[in-house]
């Protein structure tokens, strides 16, 4: 089986030529990652009008199948010829739109006191709060958790809310997202809205019977598929060794931020 590579392409606005560069290299030469250009098998600028099939837009990232390396003995010269497999940029955008729709109840609460923050910042916090909710649901049942968070939300400060949560279980405030909430803003109103946003997400989970799936699945060439957005994540060598020998490994998706486990 040929190797799968993540490639970012650039388009020459003059002649319509398409060239790429590797974002990951599974076959470095003597430990040196290859920096040579990447070209699409069979494509030339002069045959663009008659080309059958998709072509990358400028700065799009694609998952490609490596066909051959014109100079496999060196890392810095020659070209890597590939076949296009999947538009990761389009897939990421589609997943982002679906996630924004799903997270709208949380984002709506966060927007109430975050007028100057960009949507990207709000989404990052919303992802964290969703992850925090999943973590807490491993400690208590959903209905009980909603009641606990609702009680904490009645506090005037985040510190007071923390005391309430710790009285139920100290581990509620030991998850890394809790620290992110503490550092999110100096305004207590903004930080307390994070607690109310958690309630909004938990209520959505309750109303819709939503079940969070955090199991990453192994695909080709050590790429793991995210259960939330379907983006693929490549494990570093040491993490792959842990997965291979222990039977499981923790993974965080770089696209949507979900944290999960892959098992075999």
Protein backbone atom coordinates (compact mmCIF):
# COMPACT_ATOMS: atom_id res chain seq x y z
CA UNK A 1 0.00 0.00 0.00
CA UNK A 2 1.30 3.45 -0.92
CA UNK A 3 1.84 5.95 1.88
CA UNK A 4 -0.78 8.60 2.62
CA UNK A 5 0.48 12.17 2.94
CA UNK A 6 -1.04 15.47 4.01
CA UNK A 7 -0.13 18.06 1.39
CA UNK A 8 -0.78 21.81 1.21
CA UNK A 9 -1.08 22.99 -2.39
CA UNK A 10 -0.44 26.36 -4.00
CA UNK A 11 -1.79 27.49 -7.35
CA UNK A 12 0.19 29.65 -9.79
CA UNK A 13 -2.24 32.38 -10.79
CA UNK A 14 -0.28 32.90 -14.01
CA UNK A 15 -0.22 29.50 -15.70
CA UNK A 16 -2.58 27.56 -13.42
CA UNK A 17 0.13 25.20 -12.24
CA UNK A 18 -0.39 23.30 -8.99
CA UNK A 19 2.41 22.33 -6.63
CA UNK A 20 2.41 21.19 -3.03
CA UNK A 21 4.53 20.74 0.06
CA UNK A 22 4.37 18.00 2.65
CA UNK A 23 2.80 18.72 6.02
CA UNK A 24 3.87 15.33 7.32
CA UNK A 25 6.45 12.85 6.01
CA UNK A 26 6.22 9.17 6.82
CA UNK A 27 9.39 8.31 4.92
CA UNK A 28 12.19 10.77 5.83
CA UNK A 29 15.56 10.17 4.20
CA UNK A 30 18.18 9.25 6.82
CA UNK A 31 16.05 10.99 9.43
CA UNK A 32 15.64 14.18 7.36
CA UNK A 33 12.05 15.07 6.35
CA UNK A 34 11.62 15.53 2.62
CA UNK A 35 11.24 19.16 1.51
CA UNK A 36 10.87 18.50 -2.22
CA UNK A 37 7.88 19.66 -4.25
CA UNK A 38 4.73 17.57 -4.57
CA UNK A 39 3.02 17.22 -7.95
CA UNK A 40 -0.24 15.59 -8.99
CA UNK A 41 0.16 12.53 -11.16
CA UNK A 42 -0.56 13.31 -14.80
CA UNK A 43 -1.44 16.97 -14.30
CA UNK A 44 0.16 19.79 -16.29
CA UNK A 45 -0.97 23.43 -16.49
CA UNK A 46 -1.62 23.16 -20.20
CA UNK A 47 -4.17 20.35 -19.71
CA UNK A 48 -6.13 22.05 -16.91
CA UNK A 49 -9.12 22.70 -19.17
CA UNK A 50 -9.39 19.01 -20.04
CA UNK A 51 -8.52 17.65 -16.60
CA UNK A 52 -11.04 15.15 -15.28
CA UNK A 53 -11.57 15.23 -11.57
CA UNK A 54 -10.98 17.79 -8.83
CA UNK A 55 -7.97 20.06 -8.46
CA UNK A 56 -6.84 21.79 -5.26
CA UNK A 57 -7.51 25.47 -4.71
CA UNK A 58 -4.75 27.71 -3.39
CA UNK A 59 -3.68 26.80 0.20
CA UNK A 60 -6.00 23.80 0.38
CA UNK A 61 -4.80 20.73 2.28
CA UNK A 62 -5.42 17.31 0.74
CA UNK A 63 -4.84 13.76 1.82
CA UNK A 64 -2.81 12.23 -1.00
CA UNK A 65 -1.53 8.81 -1.95
CA UNK A 66 2.18 8.79 -2.76
CA UNK A 67 2.84 7.07 -6.08
CA UNK A 68 6.58 7.54 -6.30
CA UNK A 69 9.52 9.72 -5.37
CA UNK A 70 11.62 10.78 -8.34
CA UNK A 71 14.77 10.86 -6.17
CA UNK A 72 14.14 8.68 -3.11
CA UNK A 73 17.79 8.74 -2.03
CA UNK A 74 17.78 12.46 -1.16
CA UNK A 75 15.49 14.61 0.97
CA UNK A 76 15.79 18.01 -0.68
CA UNK A 77 15.63 17.51 -4.45
CA UNK A 78 13.37 15.77 -6.91
CA UNK A 79 9.61 15.55 -6.71
CA UNK A 80 6.97 13.43 -5.02
CA UNK A 81 4.20 12.31 -7.37
CA UNK A 82 0.83 11.82 -5.71
CA UNK A 83 -2.79 10.96 -6.38
CA UNK A 84 -5.47 13.09 -4.71
CA UNK A 85 -7.57 11.21 -2.15
CA UNK A 86 -9.55 13.67 0.00
CA UNK A 87 -9.96 17.43 0.39
CA UNK A 88 -9.18 17.92 4.09
CA UNK A 89 -9.78 21.67 3.95
CA UNK A 90 -13.33 21.22 2.67
CA UNK A 91 -13.92 18.41 5.13
CA UNK A 92 -12.71 20.58 7.99
CA UNK A 93 -14.99 23.45 6.93
CA UNK A 94 -17.99 21.14 6.66
CA UNK A 95 -17.25 19.68 10.09
CA UNK A 96 -16.87 23.18 11.53
CA UNK A 97 -20.27 24.27 10.21
CA UNK A 98 -21.94 21.18 11.69
CA UNK A 99 -20.17 21.75 14.99
CA UNK A 100 -21.25 25.41 15.11
CA UNK A 101 -24.86 24.32 14.64
CA UNK A 102 -24.56 21.69 17.34
CA UNK A 103 -22.87 24.05 19.80
CA UNK A 104 -25.27 26.96 19.21
CA UNK A 105 -26.91 26.64 22.66
CA UNK A 106 -23.50 27.03 24.31
CA UNK A 107 -22.31 29.77 21.97
CA UNK A 108 -25.53 31.72 22.50
CA UNK A 109 -24.87 31.90 26.25
CA UNK A 110 -21.20 32.82 25.79
CA UNK A 111 -22.06 35.63 23.37
CA UNK A 112 -24.19 37.39 25.97
CA UNK A 113 -21.15 38.79 27.81
CA UNK A 114 -18.44 38.30 25.17
CA UNK A 115 -19.37 40.90 22.60
CA UNK A 116 -15.78 41.72 21.68
CA UNK A 117 -14.54 38.15 21.33
CA UNK A 118 -14.27 36.53 17.92
CA UNK A 119 -16.38 33.48 17.09
CA UNK A 120 -13.19 31.40 16.96
CA UNK A 121 -12.44 32.27 20.59
CA UNK A 122 -15.98 31.51 21.67
CA UNK A 123 -15.93 28.18 19.85
CA UNK A 124 -12.66 27.24 21.52
CA UNK A 125 -14.19 27.84 24.95
CA UNK A 126 -17.41 26.04 23.92
CA UNK A 127 -15.32 23.00 22.94
CA UNK A 128 -13.61 23.11 26.30
CA UNK A 129 -16.91 23.29 28.16
CA UNK A 130 -18.23 20.37 26.12
CA UNK A 131 -15.12 18.38 27.00
CA UNK A 132 -15.52 19.36 30.66
CA UNK A 133 -19.13 18.15 30.59
CA UNK A 134 -18.06 14.77 29.22
CA UNK A 135 -15.45 14.52 31.96
CA UNK A 136 -18.02 15.28 34.69
CA UNK A 137 -20.47 12.76 33.25
CA UNK A 138 -17.93 10.06 34.04
CA UNK A 139 -18.34 11.04 37.72
CA UNK A 140 -22.13 11.51 38.09
CA UNK A 141 -25.29 10.87 36.11
CA UNK A 142 -26.62 13.53 33.74
CA UNK A 143 -29.65 14.69 35.75
CA UNK A 144 -27.59 14.90 38.94
CA UNK A 145 -24.85 16.82 37.15
CA UNK A 146 -27.33 19.39 35.84
CA UNK A 147 -28.58 20.01 39.38
CA UNK A 148 -25.03 20.37 40.71
CA UNK A 149 -23.98 22.82 37.98
CA UNK A 150 -27.22 24.78 38.41
CA UNK A 151 -26.43 25.19 42.11
CA UNK A 152 -22.89 26.34 41.28
CA UNK A 153 -24.29 28.83 38.76
CA UNK A 154 -26.19 30.58 41.55
CA UNK A 155 -22.89 31.67 43.13
CA UNK A 156 -21.77 35.27 42.68
CA UNK A 157 -18.14 34.40 41.89
CA UNK A 158 -16.30 31.57 40.22
CA UNK A 159 -14.42 30.92 43.47
CA UNK A 160 -17.72 30.41 45.28
CA UNK A 161 -18.89 28.11 42.48
CA UNK A 162 -15.66 26.15 42.83
CA UNK A 163 -16.31 25.61 46.54
CA UNK A 164 -19.77 24.23 45.76
CA UNK A 165 -18.43 21.85 43.12
CA UNK A 166 -15.59 20.65 45.33
CA UNK A 167 -18.04 19.89 48.12
CA UNK A 168 -19.70 17.38 45.78
CA UNK A 169 -16.47 15.96 44.38
CA UNK A 170 -12.98 17.56 44.35
CA UNK A 171 -12.30 16.11 40.90
CA UNK A 172 -14.91 18.47 39.39
CA UNK A 173 -12.33 21.28 39.51
CA UNK A 174 -9.25 19.21 38.70
CA UNK A 175 -9.91 18.90 34.97
CA UNK A 176 -7.72 21.21 32.87
CA UNK A 177 -10.70 23.08 31.41
CA UNK A 178 -11.57 24.44 34.85
CA UNK A 179 -8.26 26.31 34.87
CA UNK A 180 -9.08 27.64 31.40
CA UNK A 181 -12.37 29.00 32.78
CA UNK A 182 -10.50 30.71 35.63
CA UNK A 183 -8.14 32.39 33.15
CA UNK A 184 -10.77 33.16 30.53
CA UNK A 185 -11.59 36.68 31.68
CA UNK A 186 -11.09 39.01 34.65
CA UNK A 187 -14.80 39.85 34.65
CA UNK A 188 -16.72 37.55 37.00
CA UNK A 189 -19.86 37.88 34.86
CA UNK A 190 -18.03 36.45 31.88
CA UNK A 191 -16.55 33.57 33.84
CA UNK A 192 -19.88 32.71 35.46
CA UNK A 193 -21.48 32.66 32.02
CA UNK A 194 -19.16 29.74 31.26
CA UNK A 195 -20.90 27.84 34.05
CA UNK A 196 -24.30 28.73 32.59
CA UNK A 197 -23.07 27.62 29.17
CA UNK A 198 -22.28 24.21 30.63
CA UNK A 199 -25.90 23.98 31.80
CA UNK A 200 -27.07 24.87 28.27
CA UNK A 201 -25.00 22.03 26.81
CA UNK A 202 -26.10 19.49 29.44
CA UNK A 203 -29.72 20.47 28.85
CA UNK A 204 -29.24 19.91 25.12
CA UNK A 205 -27.74 16.48 25.85
CA UNK A 206 -30.74 15.65 28.05
CA UNK A 207 -33.39 16.96 25.66
CA UNK A 208 -31.96 15.26 22.56
CA UNK A 209 -30.58 12.07 24.08
CA UNK A 210 -27.19 13.05 22.73
CA UNK A 211 -24.42 10.51 23.38
CA UNK A 212 -20.82 11.73 23.15
CA UNK A 213 -18.61 9.36 21.20
CA UNK A 214 -14.91 9.71 21.99
CA UNK A 215 -13.60 6.53 20.39
CA UNK A 216 -11.02 7.22 17.66
CA UNK A 217 -10.81 4.55 14.96
CA UNK A 218 -7.68 3.44 13.13
CA UNK A 219 -7.60 3.96 9.37
CA UNK A 220 -4.77 3.70 6.90
CA UNK A 221 -1.13 4.42 7.62
CA UNK A 222 -1.58 5.09 11.35
CA UNK A 223 -4.17 7.83 10.79
CA UNK A 224 -6.94 7.86 13.40
CA UNK A 225 -10.40 9.16 12.57
CA UNK A 226 -11.99 11.65 14.96
CA UNK A 227 -15.41 10.51 16.22
CA UNK A 228 -16.75 14.08 16.21
CA UNK A 229 -15.57 15.76 12.99
CA UNK A 230 -14.06 12.78 11.07
CA UNK A 231 -10.73 14.57 10.60
CA UNK A 232 -7.66 12.34 10.68
CA UNK A 233 -4.83 12.56 13.20
CA UNK A 234 -1.38 11.06 12.78
CA UNK A 235 0.25 9.69 15.93
CA UNK A 236 3.91 10.50 16.68
CA UNK A 237 6.17 7.46 16.74
CA UNK A 238 6.29 7.15 20.54
CA UNK A 239 2.48 7.41 20.80
CA UNK A 240 2.09 4.76 18.10
CA UNK A 241 4.41 2.48 20.05
CA UNK A 242 2.26 2.97 23.15
CA UNK A 243 -0.87 2.15 21.17
CA UNK A 244 0.78 -0.93 19.62
CA UNK A 245 2.11 -2.42 22.84
CA UNK A 246 -0.52 -1.39 25.42
CA UNK A 247 -3.61 -1.63 23.24
CA UNK A 248 -4.80 1.94 23.72
CA UNK A 249 -3.70 5.56 23.49
CA UNK A 250 -5.21 8.96 24.27
CA UNK A 251 -5.70 11.24 21.25
CA UNK A 252 -6.71 14.88 20.84
CA UNK A 253 -8.14 15.97 17.49
CA UNK A 254 -6.28 19.02 16.16
CA UNK A 255 -9.34 20.10 14.18
CA UNK A 256 -12.20 20.10 16.69
CA UNK A 257 -10.30 19.55 19.95
CA UNK A 258 -12.17 16.44 21.11
CA UNK A 259 -10.18 14.20 23.42
CA UNK A 260 -10.67 10.45 23.25
CA UNK A 261 -9.12 7.01 23.25
CA UNK A 262 -8.18 4.59 20.51
CA UNK A 263 -8.20 0.89 21.41
CA UNK A 264 -7.46 -2.36 19.64
